[in-house]
Every structure is written in structure tokens, then in C-alpha cells.
Amino acid sequence: MNRTELVAALSERAGTTKSEADAVLSALGDVLIDSVKKGEKVQVPGLLTVERVDRAARTGRNPATGETLDIPAGYGVKATAGSKLKKAVK
């Protein structure tokens, strides 16, 4: 499902216009990004949990040359499926 299809499905289920559904989807994305950027965990009970995780500094290897290189510490994003989503997939 792409964004257009998602917006159409949301507007149909919520009984709103596609532009309103698109605005809500954009706002959700903005809130998610801002919260994760601050290091806050975002939970939609039963569906999804998104959080920022720390990545330690490590040594990597260039696969083409075999040269070792230092990879600095940083952050990643972890998304975990909630119980309702897991149950729906079974």
C-alpha cells in the first residue's frame, strides 16, 4: 500500500475527506519524527512502538578493499510491532 492508497483508506474509514486524512497522516509523521529525535519512545498501544536506540562505536571493514575503518557512535531507530498487529499476521 502506498501513501495515496493509505490516505484513501483512512478517509473512507474515518468518514473524512482525503485532504483531511492526508493532513493527519503528515502530522502523525511529524510528531513521530520530532519525538524520536528527542529520544522519546512513541507507543500506539497494540500496534506499534518506535524508539531511538544508541549505537556504539565499532570497527568495520570495507568489503571491496578489506581495509578496516572506525565507525563512530550514533543513533538508530527501532520499530516494534504491537500485540494486535502480531496477532493479525498469524
PDB file of N, CA and C in Angstrom:
ATOM      1  N   MET A   1       0.857  -1.168   0.000  1.00  0.00           N
ATOM      2  CA  MET A   1       0.000   0.000   0.000  1.00  0.00           C
ATOM      3  C   MET A   1       0.903   1.230   0.000  1.00  0.00           C
ATOM      4  N   ASN A   2       0.683   2.119  -0.950  1.00  0.00           N
ATOM      5  CA  ASN A   2       1.452   3.352  -0.977  1.00  0.00           C
ATOM      6  C   ASN A   2       0.692   4.460  -0.235  1.00  0.00           C
ATOM      7  N   ARG A   3       1.281   5.640  -0.192  1.00  0.00           N
ATOM      8  CA  ARG A   3       0.688   6.734   0.576  1.00  0.00           C
ATOM      9  C   ARG A   3      -0.711   7.109   0.063  1.00  0.00           C
ATOM     10  N   THR A   4      -0.881   7.174  -1.245  1.00  0.00           N
ATOM     11  CA  THR A   4      -2.177   7.537  -1.824  1.00  0.00           C
ATOM     12  C   THR A   4      -3.257   6.537  -1.415  1.00  0.00           C
ATOM     13  N   GLU A   5      -2.926   5.262  -1.474  1.00  0.00           N
ATOM     14  CA  GLU A   5      -3.879   4.225  -1.081  1.00  0.00           C
ATOM     15  C   GLU A   5      -4.177   4.290   0.414  1.00  0.00           C
ATOM     16  N   LEU A   6      -3.146   4.570   1.216  1.00  0.00           N
ATOM     17  CA  LEU A   6      -3.337   4.691   2.659  1.00  0.00           C
ATOM     18  C   LEU A   6      -4.242   5.869   2.994  1.00  0.00           C
ATOM     19  N   VAL A   7      -4.020   6.995   2.364  1.00  0.00           N
ATOM     20  CA  VAL A   7      -4.855   8.179   2.589  1.00  0.00           C
ATOM     21  C   VAL A   7      -6.297   7.895   2.194  1.00  0.00           C
ATOM     22  N   ALA A   8      -6.495   7.210   1.077  1.00  0.00           N
ATOM     23  CA  ALA A   8      -7.849   6.871   0.628  1.00  0.00           C
ATOM     24  C   ALA A   8      -8.534   5.948   1.631  1.00  0.00           C
ATOM     25  N   ALA A   9      -7.813   4.944   2.125  1.00  0.00           N
ATOM     26  CA  ALA A   9      -8.385   4.012   3.097  1.00  0.00           C
ATOM     27  C   ALA A   9      -8.702   4.717   4.416  1.00  0.00           C
ATOM     28  N   LEU A  10      -7.817   5.596   4.861  1.00  0.00           N
ATOM     29  CA  LEU A  10      -8.062   6.347   6.097  1.00  0.00           C
ATOM     30  C   LEU A  10      -9.277   7.244   5.969  1.00  0.00           C
ATOM     31  N   SER A  11      -9.383   7.948   4.853  1.00  0.00           N
ATOM     32  CA  SER A  11     -10.515   8.861   4.678  1.00  0.00           C
ATOM     33  C   SER A  11     -11.834   8.102   4.614  1.00  0.00           C
ATOM     34  N   GLU A  12     -11.819   6.924   4.000  1.00  0.00           N
ATOM     35  CA  GLU A  12     -13.032   6.112   3.914  1.00  0.00           C
ATOM     36  C   GLU A  12     -13.454   5.610   5.296  1.00  0.00           C
ATOM     37  N   ARG A  13     -12.488   5.075   6.061  1.00  0.00           N
ATOM     38  CA  ARG A  13     -12.798   4.537   7.397  1.00  0.00           C
ATOM     39  C   ARG A  13     -13.217   5.608   8.376  1.00  0.00           C
ATOM     40  N   ALA A  14     -12.583   6.778   8.292  1.00  0.00           N
ATOM     41  CA  ALA A  14     -12.865   7.852   9.251  1.00  0.00           C
ATOM     42  C   ALA A  14     -14.016   8.741   8.804  1.00  0.00           C
ATOM     43  N   GLY A  15     -14.450   8.584   7.575  1.00  0.00           N
ATOM     44  CA  GLY A  15     -15.539   9.411   7.073  1.00  0.00           C
ATOM     45  C   GLY A  15     -15.116  10.858   6.885  1.00  0.00           C
ATOM     46  N   THR A  16     -13.891  11.069   6.445  1.00  0.00           N
ATOM     47  CA  THR A  16     -13.375  12.418   6.211  1.00  0.00           C
ATOM     48  C   THR A  16     -12.942  12.545   4.760  1.00  0.00           C
ATOM     49  N   THR A  17     -12.518  13.740   4.402  1.00  0.00           N
ATOM     50  CA  THR A  17     -12.022  13.942   3.045  1.00  0.00           C
ATOM     51  C   THR A  17     -10.590  13.420   2.951  1.00  0.00           C
ATOM     52  N   LYS A  18     -10.159  13.209   1.720  1.00  0.00           N
ATOM     53  CA  LYS A  18      -8.795  12.725   1.523  1.00  0.00           C
ATOM     54  C   LYS A  18      -7.777  13.770   1.973  1.00  0.00           C
ATOM     55  N   SER A  19      -8.081  15.039   1.787  1.00  0.00           N
ATOM     56  CA  SER A  19      -7.131  16.080   2.202  1.00  0.00           C
ATOM     57  C   SER A  19      -6.998  16.131   3.726  1.00  0.00           C
ATOM     58  N   GLU A  20      -8.107  15.907   4.433  1.00  0.00           N
ATOM     59  CA  GLU A  20      -8.038  15.862   5.908  1.00  0.00           C
ATOM     60  C   GLU A  20      -7.245  14.647   6.372  1.00  0.00           C
ATOM     61  N   ALA A  21      -7.468  13.502   5.748  1.00  0.00           N
ATOM     62  CA  ALA A  21      -6.731  12.290   6.100  1.00  0.00           C
ATOM     63  C   ALA A  21      -5.245  12.457   5.799  1.00  0.00           C
ATOM     64  N   ASP A  22      -4.927  13.099   4.687  1.00  0.00           N
ATOM     65  CA  ASP A  22      -3.535  13.340   4.333  1.00  0.00           C
ATOM     66  C   ASP A  22      -2.875  14.278   5.341  1.00  0.00           C
ATOM     67  N   ALA A  23      -3.599  15.284   5.802  1.00  0.00           N
ATOM     68  CA  ALA A  23      -3.067  16.213   6.801  1.00  0.00           C
ATOM     69  C   ALA A  23      -2.789  15.499   8.120  1.00  0.00           C
ATOM     70  N   VAL A  24      -3.688  14.606   8.508  1.00  0.00           N
ATOM     71  CA  VAL A  24      -3.489  13.843   9.750  1.00  0.00           C
ATOM     72  C   VAL A  24      -2.292  12.911   9.610  1.00  0.00           C
ATOM     73  N   LEU A  25      -2.145  12.260   8.480  1.00  0.00           N
ATOM     74  CA  LEU A  25      -1.012  11.370   8.248  1.00  0.00           C
ATOM     75  C   LEU A  25       0.304  12.148   8.271  1.00  0.00           C
ATOM     76  N   SER A  26       0.319  13.317   7.677  1.00  0.00           N
ATOM     77  CA  SER A  26       1.519  14.165   7.700  1.00  0.00           C
ATOM     78  C   SER A  26       1.844  14.612   9.116  1.00  0.00           C
ATOM     79  N   ALA A  27       0.815  14.993   9.873  1.00  0.00           N
ATOM     80  CA  ALA A  27       1.018  15.422  11.258  1.00  0.00           C
ATOM     81  C   ALA A  27       1.543  14.260  12.108  1.00  0.00           C
ATOM     82  N   LEU A  28       1.021  13.067  11.888  1.00  0.00           N
ATOM     83  CA  LEU A  28       1.497  11.897  12.613  1.00  0.00           C
ATOM     84  C   LEU A  28       2.980  11.665  12.330  1.00  0.00           C
ATOM     85  N   GLY A  29       3.365  11.766  11.082  1.00  0.00           N
ATOM     86  CA  GLY A  29       4.764  11.614  10.708  1.00  0.00           C
ATOM     87  C   GLY A  29       5.646  12.658  11.377  1.00  0.00           C
ATOM     88  N   ASP A  30       5.181  13.908  11.402  1.00  0.00           N
ATOM     89  CA  ASP A  30       5.950  14.988  12.029  1.00  0.00           C
ATOM     90  C   ASP A  30       6.118  14.761  13.524  1.00  0.00           C
ATOM     91  N   VAL A  31       5.039  14.365  14.199  1.00  0.00           N
ATOM     92  CA  VAL A  31       5.093  14.111  15.641  1.00  0.00           C
ATOM     93  C   VAL A  31       6.026  12.938  15.929  1.00  0.00           C
ATOM     94  N   LEU A  32       5.940  11.901  15.129  1.00  0.00           N
ATOM     95  CA  LEU A  32       6.800  10.735  15.295  1.00  0.00           C
ATOM     96  C   LEU A  32       8.275  11.115  15.149  1.00  0.00           C
ATOM     97  N   ILE A  33       8.596  11.864  14.111  1.00  0.00           N
ATOM     98  CA  ILE A  33       9.973  12.287  13.872  1.00  0.00           C
ATOM     99  C   ILE A  33      10.480  13.177  15.003  1.00  0.00           C
ATOM    100  N   ASP A  34       9.686  14.156  15.412  1.00  0.00           N
ATOM    101  CA  ASP A  34      10.108  15.065  16.486  1.00  0.00           C
ATOM    102  C   ASP A  34      10.333  14.320  17.797  1.00  0.00           C
ATOM    103  N   SER A  35       9.451  13.405  18.121  1.00  0.00           N
ATOM    104  CA  SER A  35       9.567  12.664  19.376  1.00  0.00           C
ATOM    105  C   SER A  35      10.782  11.748  19.380  1.00  0.00           C
ATOM    106  N   VAL A  36      10.987  11.022  18.305  1.00  0.00           N
ATOM    107  CA  VAL A  36      12.126  10.106  18.228  1.00  0.00           C
ATOM    108  C   VAL A  36      13.437  10.898  18.214  1.00  0.00           C
ATOM    109  N   LYS A  37      13.426  12.053  17.561  1.00  0.00           N
ATOM    110  CA  LYS A  37      14.614  12.904  17.530  1.00  0.00           C
ATOM    111  C   LYS A  37      15.010  13.338  18.943  1.00  0.00           C
ATOM    112  N   LYS A  38      14.008  13.583  19.805  1.00  0.00           N
ATOM    113  CA  LYS A  38      14.259  13.987  21.190  1.00  0.00           C
ATOM    114  C   LYS A  38      14.638  12.799  22.078  1.00  0.00           C
ATOM    115  N   GLY A  39      14.506  11.592  21.575  1.00  0.00           N
ATOM    116  CA  GLY A  39      14.818  10.410  22.359  1.00  0.00           C
ATOM    117  C   GLY A  39      13.617   9.840  23.089  1.00  0.00           C
ATOM    118  N   GLU A  40      12.429  10.298  22.756  1.00  0.00           N
ATOM    119  CA  GLU A  40      11.208   9.803  23.393  1.00  0.00           C
ATOM    120  C   GLU A  40      10.697   8.564  22.658  1.00  0.00           C
ATOM    121  N   LYS A  41      10.138   7.644  23.416  1.00  0.00           N
ATOM    122  CA  LYS A  41       9.523   6.450  22.841  1.00  0.00           C
ATOM    123  C   LYS A  41       8.078   6.791  22.493  1.00  0.00           C
ATOM    124  N   VAL A  42       7.646   6.400  21.309  1.00  0.00           N
ATOM    125  CA  VAL A  42       6.272   6.635  20.864  1.00  0.00           C
ATOM    126  C   VAL A  42       5.575   5.289  20.798  1.00  0.00           C
ATOM    127  N   GLN A  43       4.452   5.161  21.504  1.00  0.00           N
ATOM    128  CA  GLN A  43       3.696   3.917  21.514  1.00  0.00           C
ATOM    129  C   GLN A  43       2.271   4.147  21.036  1.00  0.00           C
ATOM    130  N   VAL A  44       1.842   3.312  20.128  1.00  0.00           N
ATOM    131  CA  VAL A  44       0.440   3.235  19.735  1.00  0.00           C
ATOM    132  C   VAL A  44       0.011   1.871  20.252  1.00  0.00           C
ATOM    133  N   PRO A  45      -0.662   1.839  21.401  1.00  0.00           N
ATOM    134  CA  PRO A  45      -0.953   0.560  22.068  1.00  0.00           C
ATOM    135  C   PRO A  45      -1.567  -0.487  21.141  1.00  0.00           C
ATOM    136  N   GLY A  46      -0.935  -1.657  21.149  1.00  0.00           N
ATOM    137  CA  GLY A  46      -1.407  -2.773  20.345  1.00  0.00           C
ATOM    138  C   GLY A  46      -0.899  -2.766  18.915  1.00  0.00           C
ATOM    139  N   LEU A  47      -0.405  -1.623  18.438  1.00  0.00           N
ATOM    140  CA  LEU A  47       0.014  -1.548  17.039  1.00  0.00           C
ATOM    141  C   LEU A  47       1.514  -1.409  16.839  1.00  0.00           C
ATOM    142  N   LEU A  48       2.114  -0.431  17.501  1.00  0.00           N
ATOM    143  CA  LEU A  48       3.481  -0.092  17.139  1.00  0.00           C
ATOM    144  C   LEU A  48       4.184   0.665  18.248  1.00  0.00           C
ATOM    145  N   THR A  49       5.468   0.415  18.404  1.00  0.00           N
ATOM    146  CA  THR A  49       6.324   1.195  19.276  1.00  0.00           C
ATOM    147  C   THR A  49       7.542   1.599  18.459  1.00  0.00           C
ATOM    148  N   VAL A  50       7.883   2.892  18.510  1.00  0.00           N
ATOM    149  CA  VAL A  50       9.038   3.409  17.789  1.00  0.00           C
ATOM    150  C   VAL A  50       9.915   4.133  18.786  1.00  0.00           C
ATOM    151  N   GLU A  51      11.226   3.827  18.763  1.00  0.00           N
ATOM    152  CA  GLU A  51      12.132   4.481  19.702  1.00  0.00           C
ATOM    153  C   GLU A  51      13.518   4.636  19.093  1.00  0.00           C
ATOM    154  N   ARG A  52      14.256   5.602  19.638  1.00  0.00           N
ATOM    155  CA  ARG A  52      15.636   5.825  19.227  1.00  0.00           C
ATOM    156  C   ARG A  52      16.534   4.911  20.050  1.00  0.00           C
ATOM    157  N   VAL A  53      17.497   4.290  19.393  1.00  0.00           N
ATOM    158  CA  VAL A  53      18.441   3.418  20.090  1.00  0.00           C
ATOM    159  C   VAL A  53      19.864   3.925  19.849  1.00  0.00           C
ATOM    160  N   ASP A  54      20.711   3.729  20.847  1.00  0.00           N
ATOM    161  CA  ASP A  54      22.109   4.122  20.735  1.00  0.00           C
ATOM    162  C   ASP A  54      22.893   3.036  20.025  1.00  0.00           C
ATOM    163  N   ARG A  55      23.809   3.436  19.178  1.00  0.00           N
ATOM    164  CA  ARG A  55      24.706   2.501  18.511  1.00  0.00           C
ATOM    165  C   ARG A  55      26.118   2.835  18.960  1.00  0.00           C
ATOM    166  N   ALA A  56      26.800   1.857  19.497  1.00  0.00           N
ATOM    167  CA  ALA A  56      28.161   2.052  19.984  1.00  0.00           C
ATOM    168  C   ALA A  56      29.133   2.204  18.814  1.00  0.00           C
ATOM    169  N   ALA A  57      30.248   2.854  19.088  1.00  0.00           N
ATOM    170  CA  ALA A  57      31.305   2.950  18.083  1.00  0.00           C
ATOM    171  C   ALA A  57      31.843   1.541  17.824  1.00  0.00           C
ATOM    172  N   ARG A  58      32.250   1.282  16.595  1.00  0.00           N
ATOM    173  CA  ARG A  58      32.734  -0.049  16.260  1.00  0.00           C
ATOM    174  C   ARG A  58      33.711   0.024  15.095  1.00  0.00           C
ATOM    175  N   THR A  59      34.348  -1.074  14.834  1.00  0.00           N
ATOM    176  CA  THR A  59      35.280  -1.175  13.716  1.00  0.00           C
ATOM    177  C   THR A  59      34.598  -1.954  12.602  1.00  0.00           C
ATOM    178  N   GLY A  60      34.650  -1.403  11.404  1.00  0.00           N
ATOM    179  CA  GLY A  60      34.055  -2.063  10.251  1.00  0.00           C
ATOM    180  C   GLY A  60      35.125  -2.396   9.230  1.00  0.00           C
ATOM    181  N   ARG A  61      34.694  -2.983   8.150  1.00  0.00           N
ATOM    182  CA  ARG A  61      35.636  -3.361   7.097  1.00  0.00           C
ATOM    183  C   ARG A  61      35.019  -3.020   5.749  1.00  0.00           C
ATOM    184  N   ASN A  62      35.821  -2.389   4.899  1.00  0.00           N
ATOM    185  CA  ASN A  62      35.402  -2.092   3.541  1.00  0.00           C
ATOM    186  C   ASN A  62      35.422  -3.407   2.755  1.00  0.00           C
ATOM    187  N   PRO A  63      34.272  -3.885   2.275  1.00  0.00           N
ATOM    188  CA  PRO A  63      34.240  -5.179   1.603  1.00  0.00           C
ATOM    189  C   PRO A  63      35.020  -5.208   0.284  1.00  0.00           C
ATOM    190  N   ALA A  64      35.177  -4.065  -0.348  1.00  0.00           N
ATOM    191  CA  ALA A  64      35.879  -4.032  -1.625  1.00  0.00           C
ATOM    192  C   ALA A  64      37.398  -4.115  -1.447  1.00  0.00           C
ATOM    193  N   THR A  65      37.908  -3.412  -0.425  1.00  0.00           N
ATOM    194  CA  THR A  65      39.366  -3.353  -0.251  1.00  0.00           C
ATOM    195  C   THR A  65      39.863  -4.157   0.943  1.00  0.00           C
ATOM    196  N   GLY A  66      38.986  -4.492   1.865  1.00  0.00           N
ATOM    197  CA  GLY A  66      39.383  -5.205   3.069  1.00  0.00           C
ATOM    198  C   GLY A  66      39.959  -4.279   4.132  1.00  0.00           C
ATOM    199  N   GLU A  67      40.003  -2.991   3.835  1.00  0.00           N
ATOM    200  CA  GLU A  67      40.551  -2.010   4.770  1.00  0.00           C
ATOM    201  C   GLU A  67      39.623  -1.839   5.968  1.00  0.00           C
ATOM    202  N   THR A  68      40.195  -1.767   7.177  1.00  0.00           N
ATOM    203  CA  THR A  68      39.382  -1.543   8.372  1.00  0.00           C
ATOM    204  C   THR A  68      39.141  -0.046   8.536  1.00  0.00           C
ATOM    205  N   LEU A  69      37.990   0.290   9.094  1.00  0.00           N
ATOM    206  CA  LEU A  69      37.670   1.683   9.344  1.00  0.00           C
ATOM    207  C   LEU A  69      36.873   1.788  10.629  1.00  0.00           C
ATOM    208  N   ASP A  70      36.992   2.933  11.276  1.00  0.00           N
ATOM    209  CA  ASP A  70      36.271   3.173  12.520  1.00  0.00           C
ATOM    210  C   ASP A  70      34.922   3.796  12.204  1.00  0.00           C
ATOM    211  N   ILE A  71      33.874   3.209  12.753  1.00  0.00           N
ATOM    212  CA  ILE A  71      32.521   3.733  12.590  1.00  0.00           C
ATOM    213  C   ILE A  71      32.155   4.403  13.910  1.00  0.00           C
ATOM    214  N   PRO A  72      31.851   5.708  13.889  1.00  0.00           N
ATOM    215  CA  PRO A  72      31.569   6.415  15.130  1.00  0.00           C
ATOM    216  C   PRO A  72      30.237   5.988  15.750  1.00  0.00           C
ATOM    217  N   ALA A  73      30.075   6.293  17.037  1.00  0.00           N
ATOM    218  CA  ALA A  73      28.817   6.031  17.727  1.00  0.00           C
ATOM    219  C   ALA A  73      27.724   6.880  17.095  1.00  0.00           C
ATOM    220  N   GLY A  74      26.515   6.415  17.184  1.00  0.00           N
ATOM    221  CA  GLY A  74      25.404   7.160  16.599  1.00  0.00           C
ATOM    222  C   GLY A  74      24.082   6.643  17.123  1.00  0.00           C
ATOM    223  N   TYR A  75      23.033   6.929  16.382  1.00  0.00           N
ATOM    224  CA  TYR A  75      21.693   6.524  16.770  1.00  0.00           C
ATOM    225  C   TYR A  75      21.033   5.775  15.632  1.00  0.00           C
ATOM    226  N   GLY A  76      20.093   4.922  15.983  1.00  0.00           N
ATOM    227  CA  GLY A  76      19.273   4.209  15.022  1.00  0.00           C
ATOM    228  C   GLY A  76      17.825   4.295  15.481  1.00  0.00           C
ATOM    229  N   VAL A  77      16.926   3.767  14.699  1.00  0.00           N
ATOM    230  CA  VAL A  77      15.506   3.753  15.040  1.00  0.00           C
ATOM    231  C   VAL A  77      15.040   2.309  15.088  1.00  0.00           C
ATOM    232  N   LYS A  78      14.320   1.987  16.152  1.00  0.00           N
ATOM    233  CA  LYS A  78      13.796   0.637  16.333  1.00  0.00           C
ATOM    234  C   LYS A  78      12.272   0.711  16.318  1.00  0.00           C
ATOM    235  N   ALA A  79      11.651  -0.059  15.451  1.00  0.00           N
ATOM    236  CA  ALA A  79      10.198  -0.148  15.380  1.00  0.00           C
ATOM    237  C   ALA A  79       9.795  -1.564  15.769  1.00  0.00           C
ATOM    238  N   THR A  80       8.870  -1.682  16.718  1.00  0.00           N
ATOM    239  CA  THR A  80       8.420  -2.974  17.201  1.00  0.00           C
ATOM    240  C   THR A  80       6.913  -3.093  16.996  1.00  0.00           C
ATOM    241  N   ALA A  81       6.488  -4.211  16.437  1.00  0.00           N
ATOM    242  CA  ALA A  81       5.063  -4.452  16.232  1.00  0.00           C
ATOM    243  C   ALA A  81       4.384  -4.744  17.559  1.00  0.00           C
ATOM    244  N   GLY A  82       3.178  -4.210  17.727  1.00  0.00           N
ATOM    245  CA  GLY A  82       2.400  -4.454  18.936  1.00  0.00           C
ATOM    246  C   GLY A  82       1.617  -5.748  18.852  1.00  0.00           C
ATOM    247  N   SER A  83       0.937  -6.089  19.934  1.00  0.00           N
ATOM    248  CA  SER A  83       0.237  -7.371  20.036  1.00  0.00           C
ATOM    249  C   SER A  83      -0.887  -7.533  19.002  1.00  0.00           C
ATOM    250  N   LYS A  84      -1.676  -6.486  18.760  1.00  0.00           N
ATOM    251  CA  LYS A  84      -2.768  -6.586  17.771  1.00  0.00           C
ATOM    252  C   LYS A  84      -2.217  -6.802  16.371  1.00  0.00           C
ATOM    253  N   LEU A  85      -1.122  -6.123  16.056  1.00  0.00           N
ATOM    254  CA  LEU A  85      -0.517  -6.265  14.739  1.00  0.00           C
ATOM    255  C   LEU A  85       0.081  -7.657  14.563  1.00  0.00           C
ATOM    256  N   LYS A  86       0.748  -8.154  15.588  1.00  0.00           N
ATOM    257  CA  LYS A  86       1.306  -9.503  15.529  1.00  0.00           C
ATOM    258  C   LYS A  86       0.200 -10.544  15.386  1.00  0.00           C
ATOM    259  N   LYS A  87      -0.881 -10.355  16.127  1.00  0.00           N
ATOM    260  CA  LYS A  87      -1.997 -11.294  16.083  1.00  0.00           C
ATOM    261  C   LYS A  87      -2.661 -11.301  14.689  1.00  0.00           C
ATOM    262  N   ALA A  88      -2.755 -10.156  14.055  1.00  0.00           N
ATOM    263  CA  ALA A  88      -3.374 -10.036  12.738  1.00  0.00           C
ATOM    264  C   ALA A  88      -2.569 -10.773  11.660  1.00  0.00           C
ATOM    265  N   VAL A  89      -1.272 -10.896  11.869  1.00  0.00           N
ATOM    266  CA  VAL A  89      -0.410 -11.529  10.883  1.00  0.00           C
ATOM    267  C   VAL A  89      -0.472 -13.043  10.957  1.00  0.00           C
ATOM    268  N   LYS A  90      -0.794 -13.586  12.115  1.00  0.00           N
ATOM    269  CA  LYS A  90      -0.827 -15.050  12.304  1.00  0.00           C
ATOM    270  C   LYS A  90      -1.875 -15.706  11.444  1.00  0.00           C
TER     271      LYS A  90
END
